[in-house]
Amino acid sequence: MAKLYLVRHGETDYNNTMRFQGQTDIPLNQTGVEQAEKLAAFFKDIPLDAVYSSSLQRAGKTAEIIAEAKGLEPVSLDALKEMSFGIWENMNSGDIQKKYPREWKDFFANPANTKIPQGESMNDVQKRAYPEIKRILDQYPEGNIAFVAHGGVIRVLICTMLGLDLNRAWRIHVGNASVTCFYYWGRSYTLDFANETMHLK
């Protein structure tokens, strides 16, 4: 049965300091590179037909390390970029809460529709990311495909594939270098496992 894997990129320095990255192009730190290598080991005995990645370098490097171990070349996609956090990007979460308390509350209460100034809502992310996922899966009706992306994008895709309201997205934890797996056939998806991180131990 065909499977798709949603893989979050390895750690960055922004992850360590609770700063919003969004579409700011931050590289993996050393821990992130090591996590990507552990992801490659995780996929060692799992057949993959293709690896797709966000065009941001933290996801691209993670995908490159996974794909190289499988003898594949990752394909970069702008549609899988992280949610844009607009004016919040590069800011620490604590500072955002102090400076934008109402917007912060709205962002977690109604992320489907809340759009940070100069940024995106989760509905916006769904509209650009999910059609691209569908297009690719149509090319591999019986394949195993890995998509290396970001926490926000993966939350949106999990909600979409499970038919959940996007306002539930922040209830889903997506750790750095985690793997979430769905069986798929056509437009039907069955969750196999979510936020798997045992390979990082």
N, C-alpha and C. Protein backbone atom coordinates (compact mmCIF):
# COMPACT_ATOMS: atom_id res chain seq x y z
N MET A 1 0.84 -1.20 0.00
CA MET A 1 0.00 0.00 0.00
C MET A 1 0.88 1.25 0.00
N ALA A 2 0.48 2.27 -0.77
CA ALA A 2 1.27 3.48 -0.90
C ALA A 2 1.29 4.27 0.41
N LYS A 3 2.44 4.88 0.68
CA LYS A 3 2.59 5.68 1.89
C LYS A 3 3.21 7.04 1.58
N LEU A 4 2.79 8.04 2.34
CA LEU A 4 3.46 9.33 2.28
C LEU A 4 3.98 9.65 3.67
N TYR A 5 5.15 10.24 3.70
CA TYR A 5 5.82 10.59 4.95
C TYR A 5 5.98 12.11 5.01
N LEU A 6 5.49 12.69 6.10
CA LEU A 6 5.66 14.12 6.35
C LEU A 6 6.78 14.28 7.37
N VAL A 7 7.88 14.89 6.95
CA VAL A 7 9.09 14.96 7.77
C VAL A 7 9.38 16.43 8.09
N ARG A 8 9.52 16.74 9.37
CA ARG A 8 9.92 18.10 9.71
C ARG A 8 11.44 18.20 9.68
N HIS A 9 11.93 19.35 9.27
CA HIS A 9 13.37 19.60 9.19
C HIS A 9 14.03 19.49 10.57
N GLY A 10 15.35 19.34 10.56
CA GLY A 10 16.11 19.29 11.80
C GLY A 10 16.16 20.65 12.49
N GLU A 11 16.81 20.66 13.62
CA GLU A 11 16.83 21.84 14.49
C GLU A 11 17.64 23.00 13.90
N THR A 12 17.20 24.21 14.21
CA THR A 12 17.95 25.43 13.89
C THR A 12 18.17 26.21 15.18
N ASP A 13 19.02 27.21 15.12
CA ASP A 13 19.24 28.05 16.30
C ASP A 13 17.97 28.81 16.69
N TYR A 14 17.13 29.12 15.71
CA TYR A 14 15.87 29.80 16.02
C TYR A 14 14.94 28.89 16.83
N ASN A 15 14.94 27.60 16.52
CA ASN A 15 14.13 26.67 17.30
C ASN A 15 14.56 26.69 18.77
N ASN A 16 15.85 26.78 19.00
CA ASN A 16 16.39 26.77 20.36
C ASN A 16 16.00 28.01 21.16
N THR A 17 15.83 29.13 20.47
CA THR A 17 15.57 30.38 21.17
C THR A 17 14.12 30.85 21.02
N MET A 18 13.25 29.95 20.53
CA MET A 18 11.81 30.24 20.42
C MET A 18 11.54 31.47 19.56
N ARG A 19 12.33 31.61 18.50
CA ARG A 19 12.12 32.70 17.56
C ARG A 19 11.34 32.19 16.36
N PHE A 20 10.44 33.03 15.86
CA PHE A 20 9.62 32.65 14.72
C PHE A 20 10.45 32.76 13.44
N GLN A 21 10.58 31.63 12.73
CA GLN A 21 11.36 31.60 11.50
C GLN A 21 10.51 31.93 10.30
N GLY A 22 9.37 31.22 10.18
CA GLY A 22 8.52 31.41 9.01
C GLY A 22 9.30 31.18 7.74
N GLN A 23 9.26 32.14 6.84
CA GLN A 23 9.95 32.01 5.57
C GLN A 23 11.34 32.65 5.57
N THR A 24 11.80 33.07 6.75
CA THR A 24 13.19 33.50 6.88
C THR A 24 14.08 32.27 6.70
N ASP A 25 15.10 32.38 5.87
CA ASP A 25 15.84 31.18 5.44
C ASP A 25 16.99 30.86 6.39
N ILE A 26 16.66 30.20 7.49
CA ILE A 26 17.62 29.88 8.54
C ILE A 26 18.20 28.47 8.30
N PRO A 27 19.53 28.29 8.42
CA PRO A 27 20.13 26.97 8.19
C PRO A 27 19.97 26.05 9.41
N LEU A 28 20.17 24.77 9.19
CA LEU A 28 20.27 23.83 10.30
C LEU A 28 21.48 24.17 11.16
N ASN A 29 21.38 23.94 12.45
CA ASN A 29 22.57 23.98 13.29
C ASN A 29 23.20 22.58 13.32
N GLN A 30 24.26 22.40 14.09
CA GLN A 30 24.94 21.10 14.10
C GLN A 30 24.03 19.98 14.58
N THR A 31 23.23 20.28 15.60
CA THR A 31 22.27 19.28 16.07
C THR A 31 21.28 18.92 14.96
N GLY A 32 20.86 19.91 14.21
CA GLY A 32 19.93 19.68 13.11
C GLY A 32 20.51 18.78 12.03
N VAL A 33 21.79 18.98 11.73
CA VAL A 33 22.46 18.11 10.74
C VAL A 33 22.52 16.68 11.27
N GLU A 34 22.84 16.52 12.54
CA GLU A 34 22.89 15.18 13.14
C GLU A 34 21.51 14.54 13.15
N GLN A 35 20.48 15.33 13.38
CA GLN A 35 19.12 14.80 13.33
C GLN A 35 18.76 14.34 11.93
N ALA A 36 19.19 15.10 10.92
CA ALA A 36 18.93 14.71 9.54
C ALA A 36 19.62 13.39 9.21
N GLU A 37 20.81 13.19 9.74
CA GLU A 37 21.53 11.93 9.52
C GLU A 37 20.79 10.77 10.19
N LYS A 38 20.18 11.04 11.34
CA LYS A 38 19.38 10.00 12.01
C LYS A 38 18.10 9.71 11.23
N LEU A 39 17.56 10.73 10.58
CA LEU A 39 16.41 10.50 9.70
C LEU A 39 16.79 9.61 8.53
N ALA A 40 17.98 9.85 7.98
CA ALA A 40 18.45 9.00 6.88
C ALA A 40 18.55 7.54 7.34
N ALA A 41 19.01 7.34 8.57
CA ALA A 41 19.09 5.98 9.12
C ALA A 41 17.69 5.40 9.33
N PHE A 42 16.75 6.24 9.75
CA PHE A 42 15.36 5.80 9.93
C PHE A 42 14.80 5.24 8.62
N PHE A 43 15.11 5.91 7.51
CA PHE A 43 14.56 5.51 6.21
C PHE A 43 15.40 4.44 5.52
N LYS A 44 16.45 3.97 6.17
CA LYS A 44 17.37 3.02 5.52
C LYS A 44 16.65 1.82 4.92
N ASP A 45 15.73 1.24 5.66
CA ASP A 45 15.04 0.04 5.19
C ASP A 45 13.62 0.32 4.73
N ILE A 46 13.31 1.59 4.53
CA ILE A 46 11.99 1.99 4.03
C ILE A 46 12.14 2.41 2.57
N PRO A 47 11.48 1.75 1.65
CA PRO A 47 11.60 2.15 0.25
C PRO A 47 10.99 3.53 0.01
N LEU A 48 11.71 4.36 -0.73
CA LEU A 48 11.20 5.68 -1.12
C LEU A 48 11.35 5.83 -2.63
N ASP A 49 10.30 6.30 -3.26
CA ASP A 49 10.34 6.54 -4.71
C ASP A 49 10.76 7.96 -5.04
N ALA A 50 10.53 8.89 -4.11
CA ALA A 50 10.89 10.28 -4.35
C ALA A 50 10.93 11.03 -3.03
N VAL A 51 11.73 12.10 -3.00
CA VAL A 51 11.81 12.98 -1.84
C VAL A 51 11.57 14.41 -2.32
N TYR A 52 10.58 15.07 -1.75
CA TYR A 52 10.26 16.46 -2.07
C TYR A 52 10.52 17.31 -0.83
N SER A 53 10.84 18.57 -1.07
CA SER A 53 11.23 19.43 0.05
C SER A 53 10.76 20.86 -0.15
N SER A 54 10.51 21.53 0.95
CA SER A 54 10.40 22.98 0.93
C SER A 54 11.67 23.57 0.35
N SER A 55 11.55 24.72 -0.28
CA SER A 55 12.71 25.37 -0.87
C SER A 55 13.55 26.14 0.15
N LEU A 56 13.12 26.20 1.41
CA LEU A 56 13.94 26.82 2.45
C LEU A 56 15.07 25.88 2.85
N GLN A 57 16.25 26.42 3.13
CA GLN A 57 17.45 25.60 3.26
C GLN A 57 17.41 24.62 4.43
N ARG A 58 16.72 24.94 5.52
CA ARG A 58 16.69 24.01 6.64
C ARG A 58 15.97 22.71 6.27
N ALA A 59 14.93 22.83 5.45
CA ALA A 59 14.25 21.64 4.94
C ALA A 59 15.04 21.01 3.81
N GLY A 60 15.60 21.86 2.95
CA GLY A 60 16.35 21.34 1.81
C GLY A 60 17.55 20.51 2.22
N LYS A 61 18.29 20.97 3.23
CA LYS A 61 19.45 20.21 3.71
C LYS A 61 19.01 18.90 4.34
N THR A 62 17.93 18.93 5.10
CA THR A 62 17.41 17.70 5.70
C THR A 62 17.03 16.70 4.60
N ALA A 63 16.33 17.19 3.59
CA ALA A 63 15.92 16.33 2.48
C ALA A 63 17.12 15.78 1.71
N GLU A 64 18.12 16.62 1.53
CA GLU A 64 19.33 16.21 0.79
C GLU A 64 20.02 15.03 1.49
N ILE A 65 20.11 15.10 2.81
CA ILE A 65 20.77 14.02 3.56
C ILE A 65 19.95 12.73 3.49
N ILE A 66 18.63 12.84 3.59
CA ILE A 66 17.77 11.66 3.46
C ILE A 66 17.87 11.07 2.07
N ALA A 67 17.74 11.93 1.06
CA ALA A 67 17.70 11.47 -0.33
C ALA A 67 19.02 10.85 -0.77
N GLU A 68 20.12 11.45 -0.34
CA GLU A 68 21.44 10.93 -0.74
C GLU A 68 21.61 9.48 -0.29
N ALA A 69 21.14 9.18 0.91
CA ALA A 69 21.26 7.81 1.42
C ALA A 69 20.41 6.82 0.63
N LYS A 70 19.41 7.34 -0.08
CA LYS A 70 18.53 6.48 -0.89
C LYS A 70 18.89 6.52 -2.37
N GLY A 71 19.94 7.26 -2.72
CA GLY A 71 20.31 7.38 -4.13
C GLY A 71 19.32 8.22 -4.93
N LEU A 72 18.67 9.18 -4.25
CA LEU A 72 17.68 10.02 -4.90
C LEU A 72 18.14 11.48 -4.90
N GLU A 73 17.51 12.28 -5.73
CA GLU A 73 17.75 13.72 -5.78
C GLU A 73 16.49 14.42 -5.28
N PRO A 74 16.56 15.19 -4.20
CA PRO A 74 15.35 15.84 -3.70
C PRO A 74 14.85 16.92 -4.66
N VAL A 75 13.54 17.09 -4.71
CA VAL A 75 12.91 18.10 -5.55
C VAL A 75 12.42 19.24 -4.66
N SER A 76 12.83 20.46 -4.95
CA SER A 76 12.52 21.63 -4.13
C SER A 76 11.22 22.28 -4.59
N LEU A 77 10.36 22.61 -3.63
CA LEU A 77 9.05 23.19 -3.95
C LEU A 77 8.78 24.42 -3.07
N ASP A 78 8.47 25.55 -3.69
CA ASP A 78 8.07 26.73 -2.93
C ASP A 78 6.76 26.50 -2.18
N ALA A 79 5.90 25.64 -2.71
CA ALA A 79 4.58 25.41 -2.10
C ALA A 79 4.68 24.80 -0.71
N LEU A 80 5.82 24.19 -0.39
CA LEU A 80 6.00 23.56 0.92
C LEU A 80 6.74 24.46 1.91
N LYS A 81 6.99 25.72 1.54
CA LYS A 81 7.63 26.65 2.48
C LYS A 81 6.78 26.79 3.74
N GLU A 82 7.44 27.17 4.82
CA GLU A 82 6.73 27.38 6.08
C GLU A 82 5.72 28.52 5.93
N MET A 83 4.73 28.49 6.79
CA MET A 83 3.78 29.59 6.90
C MET A 83 4.54 30.90 7.11
N SER A 84 4.16 31.93 6.40
CA SER A 84 4.78 33.24 6.61
C SER A 84 4.20 33.88 7.86
N PHE A 85 5.09 34.26 8.78
CA PHE A 85 4.65 34.93 10.01
C PHE A 85 4.80 36.44 9.92
N GLY A 86 5.02 36.95 8.72
CA GLY A 86 5.00 38.39 8.50
C GLY A 86 5.92 39.15 9.43
N ILE A 87 5.35 40.17 10.09
CA ILE A 87 6.15 41.05 10.94
C ILE A 87 6.66 40.35 12.20
N TRP A 88 6.16 39.15 12.48
CA TRP A 88 6.64 38.41 13.66
C TRP A 88 7.95 37.68 13.40
N GLU A 89 8.32 37.52 12.16
CA GLU A 89 9.51 36.72 11.86
C GLU A 89 10.76 37.36 12.47
N ASN A 90 11.61 36.51 13.01
CA ASN A 90 12.85 36.88 13.71
C ASN A 90 12.61 37.36 15.14
N MET A 91 11.34 37.38 15.57
CA MET A 91 11.03 37.81 16.93
C MET A 91 10.88 36.61 17.86
N ASN A 92 11.26 36.80 19.12
CA ASN A 92 11.08 35.79 20.16
C ASN A 92 9.61 35.74 20.55
N SER A 93 9.12 34.53 20.86
CA SER A 93 7.69 34.38 21.18
C SER A 93 7.27 35.22 22.38
N GLY A 94 8.14 35.34 23.38
CA GLY A 94 7.82 36.15 24.55
C GLY A 94 7.63 37.62 24.18
N ASP A 95 8.49 38.13 23.31
CA ASP A 95 8.38 39.53 22.88
C ASP A 95 7.12 39.75 22.05
N ILE A 96 6.76 38.77 21.24
CA ILE A 96 5.54 38.88 20.43
C ILE A 96 4.32 38.99 21.33
N GLN A 97 4.26 38.14 22.37
CA GLN A 97 3.12 38.16 23.28
C GLN A 97 2.97 39.52 23.97
N LYS A 98 4.09 40.15 24.30
CA LYS A 98 4.04 41.45 24.96
C LYS A 98 3.63 42.56 23.99
N LYS A 99 4.15 42.51 22.77
CA LYS A 99 3.92 43.60 21.82
C LYS A 99 2.60 43.46 21.07
N TYR A 100 2.18 42.19 20.84
CA TYR A 100 0.95 41.95 20.07
C TYR A 100 0.03 40.98 20.83
N PRO A 101 -0.42 41.34 22.03
CA PRO A 101 -1.19 40.39 22.85
C PRO A 101 -2.50 39.94 22.21
N ARG A 102 -3.25 40.86 21.59
CA ARG A 102 -4.51 40.47 20.98
C ARG A 102 -4.29 39.56 19.78
N GLU A 103 -3.33 39.92 18.92
CA GLU A 103 -3.03 39.11 17.73
C GLU A 103 -2.51 37.73 18.13
N TRP A 104 -1.70 37.69 19.22
CA TRP A 104 -1.18 36.42 19.70
C TRP A 104 -2.33 35.50 20.13
N LYS A 105 -3.26 36.04 20.86
CA LYS A 105 -4.42 35.26 21.31
C LYS A 105 -5.24 34.76 20.12
N ASP A 106 -5.49 35.64 19.16
CA ASP A 106 -6.25 35.26 17.97
C ASP A 106 -5.53 34.19 17.16
N PHE A 107 -4.21 34.31 17.09
CA PHE A 107 -3.41 33.39 16.27
C PHE A 107 -3.55 31.94 16.76
N PHE A 108 -3.65 31.75 18.06
CA PHE A 108 -3.78 30.39 18.58
C PHE A 108 -5.23 29.96 18.74
N ALA A 109 -6.15 30.91 18.86
CA ALA A 109 -7.57 30.58 18.99
C ALA A 109 -8.20 30.31 17.62
N ASN A 110 -7.76 31.03 16.59
CA ASN A 110 -8.38 30.92 15.27
C ASN A 110 -7.31 30.99 14.18
N PRO A 111 -6.38 30.00 14.17
CA PRO A 111 -5.28 30.07 13.21
C PRO A 111 -5.72 29.88 11.76
N ALA A 112 -6.89 29.27 11.56
CA ALA A 112 -7.35 29.07 10.18
C ALA A 112 -7.49 30.40 9.45
N ASN A 113 -7.97 31.41 10.17
CA ASN A 113 -8.30 32.68 9.52
C ASN A 113 -7.44 33.86 9.97
N THR A 114 -6.71 33.71 11.09
CA THR A 114 -5.90 34.82 11.58
C THR A 114 -4.66 35.00 10.72
N LYS A 115 -4.51 36.19 10.19
CA LYS A 115 -3.36 36.49 9.33
C LYS A 115 -2.52 37.57 10.01
N ILE A 116 -1.30 37.22 10.35
CA ILE A 116 -0.39 38.20 10.93
C ILE A 116 -0.09 39.23 9.84
N PRO A 117 0.03 40.52 10.20
CA PRO A 117 0.35 41.52 9.18
C PRO A 117 1.55 41.11 8.32
N GLN A 118 1.35 41.15 7.00
CA GLN A 118 2.35 40.77 6.00
C GLN A 118 2.60 39.26 5.98
N GLY A 119 1.76 38.49 6.66
CA GLY A 119 1.94 37.04 6.72
C GLY A 119 0.76 36.27 6.15
N GLU A 120 0.64 35.02 6.58
CA GLU A 120 -0.38 34.12 6.07
C GLU A 120 -1.23 33.56 7.20
N SER A 121 -2.42 33.08 6.84
CA SER A 121 -3.23 32.27 7.73
C SER A 121 -3.02 30.81 7.36
N MET A 122 -3.52 29.90 8.19
CA MET A 122 -3.41 28.48 7.86
C MET A 122 -4.27 28.11 6.64
N ASN A 123 -5.35 28.85 6.42
CA ASN A 123 -6.11 28.63 5.19
C ASN A 123 -5.26 28.94 3.97
N ASP A 124 -4.46 30.00 4.05
CA ASP A 124 -3.56 30.35 2.94
C ASP A 124 -2.56 29.23 2.68
N VAL A 125 -2.01 28.68 3.77
CA VAL A 125 -1.03 27.59 3.63
C VAL A 125 -1.69 26.38 2.99
N GLN A 126 -2.89 26.04 3.44
CA GLN A 126 -3.60 24.90 2.87
C GLN A 126 -3.81 25.07 1.37
N LYS A 127 -4.17 26.26 0.96
CA LYS A 127 -4.48 26.51 -0.45
C LYS A 127 -3.26 26.37 -1.35
N ARG A 128 -2.06 26.59 -0.81
CA ARG A 128 -0.87 26.47 -1.67
C ARG A 128 -0.20 25.11 -1.53
N ALA A 129 -0.27 24.50 -0.33
CA ALA A 129 0.48 23.27 -0.09
C ALA A 129 -0.30 22.01 -0.49
N TYR A 130 -1.55 21.91 -0.10
CA TYR A 130 -2.27 20.65 -0.33
C TYR A 130 -2.47 20.33 -1.81
N PRO A 131 -2.82 21.28 -2.68
CA PRO A 131 -2.92 20.94 -4.10
C PRO A 131 -1.63 20.37 -4.68
N GLU A 132 -0.49 20.86 -4.19
CA GLU A 132 0.80 20.35 -4.68
C GLU A 132 1.02 18.92 -4.21
N ILE A 133 0.64 18.63 -2.96
CA ILE A 133 0.72 17.25 -2.46
C ILE A 133 -0.14 16.33 -3.32
N LYS A 134 -1.35 16.73 -3.60
CA LYS A 134 -2.26 15.91 -4.42
C LYS A 134 -1.66 15.68 -5.80
N ARG A 135 -1.12 16.73 -6.40
CA ARG A 135 -0.54 16.61 -7.75
C ARG A 135 0.59 15.59 -7.76
N ILE A 136 1.43 15.62 -6.75
CA ILE A 136 2.57 14.70 -6.70
C ILE A 136 2.10 13.27 -6.44
N LEU A 137 1.19 13.10 -5.50
CA LEU A 137 0.72 11.74 -5.19
C LEU A 137 0.02 11.10 -6.40
N ASP A 138 -0.63 11.93 -7.23
CA ASP A 138 -1.25 11.40 -8.44
C ASP A 138 -0.22 10.78 -9.38
N GLN A 139 1.02 11.25 -9.29
CA GLN A 139 2.09 10.70 -10.13
C GLN A 139 2.63 9.37 -9.59
N TYR A 140 2.35 9.09 -8.31
CA TYR A 140 2.87 7.88 -7.66
C TYR A 140 1.73 7.14 -6.95
N PRO A 141 0.76 6.61 -7.71
CA PRO A 141 -0.40 5.99 -7.08
C PRO A 141 -0.06 4.79 -6.20
N GLU A 142 1.10 4.21 -6.41
CA GLU A 142 1.51 3.06 -5.59
C GLU A 142 2.90 3.28 -4.99
N GLY A 143 3.28 4.52 -4.82
CA GLY A 143 4.64 4.82 -4.37
C GLY A 143 4.74 5.17 -2.90
N ASN A 144 5.97 5.31 -2.45
CA ASN A 144 6.29 5.81 -1.11
C ASN A 144 7.02 7.14 -1.28
N ILE A 145 6.42 8.21 -0.80
CA ILE A 145 6.94 9.55 -1.05
C ILE A 145 7.20 10.26 0.27
N ALA A 146 8.35 10.92 0.39
CA ALA A 146 8.66 11.72 1.57
C ALA A 146 8.59 13.20 1.21
N PHE A 147 7.93 13.96 2.09
CA PHE A 147 7.84 15.41 1.95
C PHE A 147 8.51 16.03 3.17
N VAL A 148 9.59 16.77 2.96
CA VAL A 148 10.30 17.40 4.07
C VAL A 148 9.87 18.87 4.13
N ALA A 149 9.25 19.24 5.25
CA ALA A 149 8.68 20.58 5.34
C ALA A 149 8.85 21.13 6.75
N HIS A 150 7.85 21.82 7.24
CA HIS A 150 7.94 22.62 8.46
C HIS A 150 6.76 22.34 9.38
N GLY A 151 6.91 22.73 10.64
CA GLY A 151 5.88 22.44 11.62
C GLY A 151 4.50 22.95 11.25
N GLY A 152 4.43 24.21 10.81
CA GLY A 152 3.13 24.78 10.45
C GLY A 152 2.52 24.08 9.26
N VAL A 153 3.29 23.86 8.22
CA VAL A 153 2.80 23.20 7.01
C VAL A 153 2.33 21.78 7.33
N ILE A 154 3.11 21.05 8.10
CA ILE A 154 2.76 19.66 8.42
C ILE A 154 1.49 19.61 9.26
N ARG A 155 1.33 20.53 10.20
CA ARG A 155 0.07 20.58 10.97
C ARG A 155 -1.13 20.79 10.04
N VAL A 156 -0.98 21.70 9.10
CA VAL A 156 -2.06 21.98 8.14
C VAL A 156 -2.37 20.73 7.32
N LEU A 157 -1.34 20.04 6.85
CA LEU A 157 -1.55 18.85 6.02
C LEU A 157 -2.18 17.72 6.83
N ILE A 158 -1.76 17.54 8.08
CA ILE A 158 -2.37 16.50 8.92
C ILE A 158 -3.86 16.79 9.10
N CYS A 159 -4.20 18.02 9.44
CA CYS A 159 -5.61 18.38 9.61
C CYS A 159 -6.39 18.15 8.32
N THR A 160 -5.81 18.55 7.20
CA THR A 160 -6.49 18.41 5.91
C THR A 160 -6.74 16.95 5.58
N MET A 161 -5.73 16.11 5.76
CA MET A 161 -5.86 14.70 5.40
C MET A 161 -6.79 13.94 6.34
N LEU A 162 -6.91 14.41 7.57
CA LEU A 162 -7.81 13.76 8.54
C LEU A 162 -9.19 14.41 8.55
N GLY A 163 -9.40 15.46 7.75
CA GLY A 163 -10.68 16.13 7.72
C GLY A 163 -10.97 16.93 8.97
N LEU A 164 -9.92 17.44 9.63
CA LEU A 164 -10.09 18.22 10.85
C LEU A 164 -10.13 19.71 10.55
N ASP A 165 -10.83 20.44 11.39
CA ASP A 165 -10.85 21.90 11.32
C ASP A 165 -9.44 22.41 11.52
N LEU A 166 -9.01 23.34 10.68
CA LEU A 166 -7.65 23.89 10.81
C LEU A 166 -7.45 24.61 12.13
N ASN A 167 -8.52 25.01 12.79
CA ASN A 167 -8.36 25.65 14.09
C ASN A 167 -7.89 24.68 15.17
N ARG A 168 -7.83 23.39 14.85
CA ARG A 168 -7.27 22.40 15.78
C ARG A 168 -5.78 22.16 15.55
N ALA A 169 -5.21 22.87 14.60
CA ALA A 169 -3.84 22.57 14.17
C ALA A 169 -2.82 22.68 15.30
N TRP A 170 -2.98 23.66 16.19
CA TRP A 170 -1.99 23.84 17.25
C TRP A 170 -2.11 22.78 18.34
N ARG A 171 -3.10 21.91 18.26
CA ARG A 171 -3.21 20.79 19.20
C ARG A 171 -2.35 19.61 18.77
N ILE A 172 -1.74 19.72 17.60
CA ILE A 172 -0.90 18.65 17.06
C ILE A 172 0.57 19.03 17.26
N HIS A 173 1.32 18.17 17.93
CA HIS A 173 2.75 18.45 18.12
C HIS A 173 3.54 17.87 16.95
N VAL A 174 4.45 18.66 16.42
CA VAL A 174 5.31 18.23 15.32
C VAL A 174 6.74 18.62 15.69
N GLY A 175 7.50 17.68 16.22
CA GLY A 175 8.85 17.97 16.67
C GLY A 175 9.85 18.06 15.54
N ASN A 176 10.99 18.69 15.81
CA ASN A 176 12.06 18.72 14.81
C ASN A 176 12.48 17.30 14.46
N ALA A 177 12.66 17.06 13.15
CA ALA A 177 13.11 15.76 12.62
C ALA A 177 12.12 14.64 12.94
N SER A 178 10.86 14.99 13.17
CA SER A 178 9.83 13.96 13.39
C SER A 178 9.31 13.45 12.06
N VAL A 179 8.69 12.27 12.10
CA VAL A 179 8.10 11.66 10.91
C VAL A 179 6.64 11.32 11.21
N THR A 180 5.76 11.72 10.30
CA THR A 180 4.35 11.35 10.34
C THR A 180 4.03 10.59 9.06
N CYS A 181 3.31 9.50 9.17
CA CYS A 181 3.07 8.63 8.01
C CYS A 181 1.58 8.40 7.78
N PHE A 182 1.17 8.51 6.53
CA PHE A 182 -0.19 8.18 6.09
C PHE A 182 -0.13 7.12 4.99
N TYR A 183 -1.07 6.18 5.04
CA TYR A 183 -1.39 5.39 3.85
C TYR A 183 -2.25 6.27 2.96
N TYR A 184 -2.12 6.13 1.66
CA TYR A 184 -3.00 6.89 0.78
C TYR A 184 -3.41 6.07 -0.42
N TRP A 185 -4.61 6.33 -0.89
CA TRP A 185 -5.09 5.79 -2.16
C TRP A 185 -6.08 6.81 -2.69
N GLY A 186 -5.76 7.37 -3.86
CA GLY A 186 -6.58 8.45 -4.39
C GLY A 186 -6.56 9.63 -3.44
N ARG A 187 -7.75 10.06 -3.02
CA ARG A 187 -7.88 11.18 -2.09
C ARG A 187 -8.21 10.71 -0.68
N SER A 188 -8.00 9.44 -0.42
CA SER A 188 -8.27 8.89 0.91
C SER A 188 -6.96 8.70 1.66
N TYR A 189 -6.96 9.06 2.95
CA TYR A 189 -5.75 8.99 3.77
C TYR A 189 -6.07 8.32 5.10
N THR A 190 -5.18 7.45 5.54
CA THR A 190 -5.31 6.80 6.83
C THR A 190 -4.01 7.02 7.60
N LEU A 191 -4.11 7.61 8.77
CA LEU A 191 -2.92 7.88 9.58
C LEU A 191 -2.34 6.58 10.11
N ASP A 192 -1.05 6.36 9.86
CA ASP A 192 -0.35 5.19 10.38
C ASP A 192 0.32 5.55 11.71
N PHE A 193 1.14 6.61 11.73
CA PHE A 193 1.73 7.10 12.97
C PHE A 193 2.05 8.58 12.82
N ALA A 194 2.19 9.28 13.96
CA ALA A 194 2.43 10.72 13.93
C ALA A 194 3.54 11.11 14.89
N ASN A 195 4.32 12.12 14.50
CA ASN A 195 5.37 12.70 15.33
C ASN A 195 6.32 11.64 15.90
N GLU A 196 6.73 10.71 15.05
CA GLU A 196 7.67 9.68 15.46
C GLU A 196 9.07 10.28 15.60
N THR A 197 9.64 10.14 16.80
CA THR A 197 10.98 10.70 17.04
C THR A 197 11.91 9.70 17.73
N MET A 198 11.54 8.44 17.81
CA MET A 198 12.37 7.45 18.51
C MET A 198 13.74 7.31 17.86
N HIS A 199 13.84 7.62 16.57
CA HIS A 199 15.15 7.53 15.88
C HIS A 199 16.14 8.57 16.39
N LEU A 200 15.65 9.56 17.12
CA LEU A 200 16.55 10.60 17.64
C LEU A 200 17.16 10.25 18.98
N LYS A 201 16.71 9.18 19.58
CA LYS A 201 17.19 8.80 20.93
C LYS A 201 18.64 8.34 20.87
